[in-house]
């Protein structure tokens, strides 16, 4: 593996600049989730709630800028029980719901907005 080098102490040194882009993005997302959980604990005494929205494959200009995006979108539609991509409106609606008084007890959560894509079991 070009991104890791074994040391004599039984450790590995990871060089993020050599890790594949998808791996770097995944690591960044996990770090963001961890920071959000810490913020949920630290800021709750001040009345601040912190949650993470994990959107499904969302039809945006950013998606369309990815080479091979048509294939990604087709695979996501195939996995999704509703047979469609997540829309920016889907995500905005959940953010709105989180801003209501009824969601006042939601804190430190990872909320998937993907229509069930993550549980479908299909691999595309």
Protein backbone atom coordinates (compact mmCIF):
# COMPACT_ATOMS: atom_id res chain seq x y z
CA UNK A 1 0.00 0.00 0.00
CA UNK A 2 1.66 3.23 -1.09
CA UNK A 3 -0.21 5.29 1.53
CA UNK A 4 1.04 3.38 4.56
CA UNK A 5 4.53 2.47 5.68
CA UNK A 6 5.27 -0.02 8.45
CA UNK A 7 7.59 1.11 11.21
CA UNK A 8 9.82 -1.02 13.38
CA UNK A 9 7.51 -0.43 16.39
CA UNK A 10 4.56 -2.26 14.78
CA UNK A 11 2.83 0.95 13.79
CA UNK A 12 1.76 2.30 10.43
CA UNK A 13 2.28 5.82 9.22
CA UNK A 14 -0.54 7.04 7.02
CA UNK A 15 0.16 9.68 4.41
CA UNK A 16 -3.22 11.27 3.65
CA UNK A 17 -2.02 12.87 0.43
CA UNK A 18 -1.49 9.40 -1.07
CA UNK A 19 -4.79 7.89 0.07
CA UNK A 20 -7.40 7.52 -2.65
CA UNK A 21 -9.81 10.50 -2.83
CA UNK A 22 -12.86 8.43 -1.80
CA UNK A 23 -10.97 7.21 1.28
CA UNK A 24 -9.98 10.78 2.22
CA UNK A 25 -13.59 11.94 1.90
CA UNK A 26 -14.82 9.04 4.02
CA UNK A 27 -12.28 9.81 6.71
CA UNK A 28 -13.28 13.47 6.68
CA UNK A 29 -16.96 12.54 7.06
CA UNK A 30 -16.25 10.28 10.03
CA UNK A 31 -14.18 13.04 11.64
CA UNK A 32 -17.05 15.49 11.12
CA UNK A 33 -19.48 13.07 12.79
CA UNK A 34 -17.12 12.74 15.76
CA UNK A 35 -16.70 16.51 16.10
CA UNK A 36 -20.47 16.95 15.89
CA UNK A 37 -21.01 14.47 18.75
CA UNK A 38 -18.46 16.33 20.87
CA UNK A 39 -20.17 19.63 20.06
CA UNK A 40 -23.54 18.14 21.04
CA UNK A 41 -22.16 17.44 24.51
CA UNK A 42 -20.16 20.64 24.90
CA UNK A 43 -22.81 23.08 23.67
CA UNK A 44 -25.98 21.48 25.09
CA UNK A 45 -25.66 23.45 28.37
CA UNK A 46 -25.96 26.60 26.25
CA UNK A 47 -29.10 25.38 24.48
CA UNK A 48 -27.30 24.55 21.23
CA UNK A 49 -28.16 21.27 19.51
CA UNK A 50 -25.81 19.70 17.00
CA UNK A 51 -26.78 16.98 14.53
CA UNK A 52 -25.36 15.53 11.32
CA UNK A 53 -27.43 15.15 8.18
CA UNK A 54 -26.23 12.25 6.03
CA UNK A 55 -27.89 12.79 2.68
CA UNK A 56 -28.19 10.12 0.04
CA UNK A 57 -26.88 10.67 -3.46
CA UNK A 58 -28.33 14.10 -4.13
CA UNK A 59 -29.07 15.55 -7.56
CA UNK A 60 -27.01 18.74 -7.49
CA UNK A 61 -24.55 20.54 -9.78
CA UNK A 62 -21.76 19.10 -7.59
CA UNK A 63 -22.94 15.54 -8.37
CA UNK A 64 -23.10 16.34 -12.08
CA UNK A 65 -19.49 17.61 -11.95
CA UNK A 66 -18.21 14.14 -10.93
CA UNK A 67 -16.90 12.10 -13.84
CA UNK A 68 -19.17 9.07 -14.25
CA UNK A 69 -21.97 10.68 -12.25
CA UNK A 70 -24.61 9.09 -14.47
CA UNK A 71 -23.52 5.64 -13.28
CA UNK A 72 -23.46 6.76 -9.62
CA UNK A 73 -26.96 8.20 -9.96
CA UNK A 74 -28.28 5.08 -11.69
CA UNK A 75 -26.85 2.83 -8.96
CA UNK A 76 -28.35 5.04 -6.24
CA UNK A 77 -31.77 4.93 -7.92
CA UNK A 78 -31.50 1.15 -8.11
CA UNK A 79 -30.65 0.88 -4.38
CA UNK A 80 -33.31 3.35 -3.27
CA UNK A 81 -36.64 1.77 -2.26
CA UNK A 82 -38.40 4.79 -3.80
CA UNK A 83 -36.40 4.50 -7.03
CA UNK A 84 -35.15 8.07 -7.06
CA UNK A 85 -32.30 10.28 -5.92
CA UNK A 86 -32.39 12.48 -2.86
CA UNK A 87 -33.26 16.08 -3.74
CA UNK A 88 -32.00 19.26 -2.14
CA UNK A 89 -35.61 19.82 -1.03
CA UNK A 90 -35.59 16.48 0.85
CA UNK A 91 -32.55 17.63 2.81
CA UNK A 92 -33.93 21.14 3.39
CA UNK A 93 -37.18 19.68 4.73
CA UNK A 94 -35.33 17.68 7.38
CA UNK A 95 -33.24 20.71 8.35
CA UNK A 96 -36.50 22.64 8.74
CA UNK A 97 -37.96 19.87 10.92
CA UNK A 98 -34.87 19.99 13.14
CA UNK A 99 -35.41 23.72 13.65
CA UNK A 100 -38.90 23.23 15.11
CA UNK A 101 -39.74 23.09 18.81
CA UNK A 102 -40.92 19.51 18.32
CA UNK A 103 -37.32 18.47 17.55
CA UNK A 104 -35.91 20.19 20.64
CA UNK A 105 -34.78 16.87 22.14
CA UNK A 106 -32.85 15.73 19.05
CA UNK A 107 -29.15 16.24 19.80
CA UNK A 108 -26.01 14.40 18.75
CA UNK A 109 -27.85 12.41 16.10
CA UNK A 110 -26.81 11.22 12.68
CA UNK A 111 -29.92 11.59 10.54
CA UNK A 112 -29.99 9.83 7.21
CA UNK A 113 -31.97 11.57 4.51
CA UNK A 114 -31.85 9.02 1.73
CA UNK A 115 -35.27 7.40 1.44
CA UNK A 116 -33.89 4.14 2.81
CA UNK A 117 -31.06 3.81 0.30
CA UNK A 118 -28.63 2.86 3.09
CA UNK A 119 -30.74 -0.14 4.20
CA UNK A 120 -31.86 -1.54 0.88
CA UNK A 121 -29.16 -4.22 0.76
CA UNK A 122 -28.62 -3.74 -2.95
CA UNK A 123 -25.06 -3.10 -4.03
CA UNK A 124 -25.80 -1.59 -7.42
